[in-house]
C-alpha atoms as a PDB file:
ATOM      1  CA  UNK A   1      21.962 -16.896  10.302  1.00  0.00           C
ATOM      2  CA  UNK A   2      18.616 -15.351  11.200  1.00  0.00           C
ATOM      3  CA  UNK A   3      15.735 -15.924   8.807  1.00  0.00           C
ATOM      4  CA  UNK A   4      14.478 -13.217   6.526  1.00  0.00           C
ATOM      5  CA  UNK A   5      11.675 -11.033   7.889  1.00  0.00           C
ATOM      6  CA  UNK A   6       8.021 -11.622   6.805  1.00  0.00           C
ATOM      7  CA  UNK A   7       7.468  -7.838   6.265  1.00  0.00           C
ATOM      8  CA  UNK A   8       7.701  -6.560   2.622  1.00  0.00           C
ATOM      9  CA  UNK A   9       7.720  -2.993   1.476  1.00  0.00           C
ATOM     10  CA  UNK A  10       4.546  -2.182  -0.805  1.00  0.00           C
ATOM     11  CA  UNK A  11       3.502   1.119  -2.421  1.00  0.00           C
ATOM     12  CA  UNK A  12      -0.073   2.292  -2.498  1.00  0.00           C
ATOM     13  CA  UNK A  13      -1.630   3.934  -5.411  1.00  0.00           C
ATOM     14  CA  UNK A  14      -4.811   6.055  -5.476  1.00  0.00           C
ATOM     15  CA  UNK A  15      -7.569   4.193  -7.336  1.00  0.00           C
ATOM     16  CA  UNK A  16      -8.936   7.360  -9.010  1.00  0.00           C
ATOM     17  CA  UNK A  17      -5.615   9.250 -10.400  1.00  0.00           C
ATOM     18  CA  UNK A  18      -3.429   6.337 -10.210  1.00  0.00           C
ATOM     19  CA  UNK A  19      -0.645   8.103  -8.408  1.00  0.00           C
ATOM     20  CA  UNK A  20       1.726   6.141  -6.130  1.00  0.00           C
ATOM     21  CA  UNK A  21       1.529   8.246  -2.879  1.00  0.00           C
ATOM     22  CA  UNK A  22       2.442   6.018  -0.105  1.00  0.00           C
ATOM     23  CA  UNK A  23       5.102   3.183   0.878  1.00  0.00           C
ATOM     24  CA  UNK A  24       4.327   1.027   3.938  1.00  0.00           C
ATOM     25  CA  UNK A  25       5.271  -2.324   5.044  1.00  0.00           C
ATOM     26  CA  UNK A  26       3.020  -5.218   5.085  1.00  0.00           C
ATOM     27  CA  UNK A  27       3.442  -8.749   6.787  1.00  0.00           C
ATOM     28  CA  UNK A  28       2.816 -11.137   3.921  1.00  0.00           C
ATOM     29  CA  UNK A  29       1.770 -14.129   6.094  1.00  0.00           C
ATOM     30  CA  UNK A  30      -0.773 -12.062   7.927  1.00  0.00           C
ATOM     31  CA  UNK A  31      -2.284 -10.506   4.796  1.00  0.00           C
ATOM     32  CA  UNK A  32      -1.550 -12.409   1.598  1.00  0.00           C
ATOM     33  CA  UNK A  33      -4.038 -10.570  -0.329  1.00  0.00           C
ATOM     34  CA  UNK A  34      -3.707  -7.060  -1.591  1.00  0.00           C
ATOM     35  CA  UNK A  35      -4.818  -4.548   0.750  1.00  0.00           C
ATOM     36  CA  UNK A  36      -6.876  -1.387   0.189  1.00  0.00           C
ATOM     37  CA  UNK A  37      -6.820   1.446   2.561  1.00  0.00           C
ATOM     38  CA  UNK A  38      -8.593   4.939   2.585  1.00  0.00           C
ATOM     39  CA  UNK A  39      -5.591   7.447   2.401  1.00  0.00           C
ATOM     40  CA  UNK A  40      -5.580  11.298   1.614  1.00  0.00           C
ATOM     41  CA  UNK A  41      -4.563  11.863  -2.094  1.00  0.00           C
ATOM     42  CA  UNK A  42      -2.656  15.215  -2.623  1.00  0.00           C
ATOM     43  CA  UNK A  43      -3.006  14.922  -6.058  1.00  0.00           C
ATOM     44  CA  UNK A  44      -7.056  14.377  -5.853  1.00  0.00           C
ATOM     45  CA  UNK A  45      -7.079  16.782  -2.512  1.00  0.00           C
ATOM     46  CA  UNK A  46      -9.514  14.499  -0.883  1.00  0.00           C
ATOM     47  CA  UNK A  47      -9.650  10.910   0.811  1.00  0.00           C
ATOM     48  CA  UNK A  48      -9.739   8.096  -1.905  1.00  0.00           C
ATOM     49  CA  UNK A  49      -9.162   4.419  -1.743  1.00  0.00           C
ATOM     50  CA  UNK A  50      -5.475   3.196  -2.158  1.00  0.00           C
ATOM     51  CA  UNK A  51      -4.513  -0.255  -3.364  1.00  0.00           C
ATOM     52  CA  UNK A  52      -1.451  -2.140  -3.066  1.00  0.00           C
ATOM     53  CA  UNK A  53       0.704  -2.263  -6.256  1.00  0.00           C
ATOM     54  CA  UNK A  54       3.629  -4.293  -7.344  1.00  0.00           C
END
């Protein structure tokens, strides 16, 4: 049997309005810490920082 992959599905939440807007995949071996990306938030109608949530 093949080993389970190192990539996990994560959710990104806006730091201003706390809405969970994006789902993406992350390699847990290369990036063990929580990531923060600048993405467009349709609720705030501007680019904001989005942090990884559980």
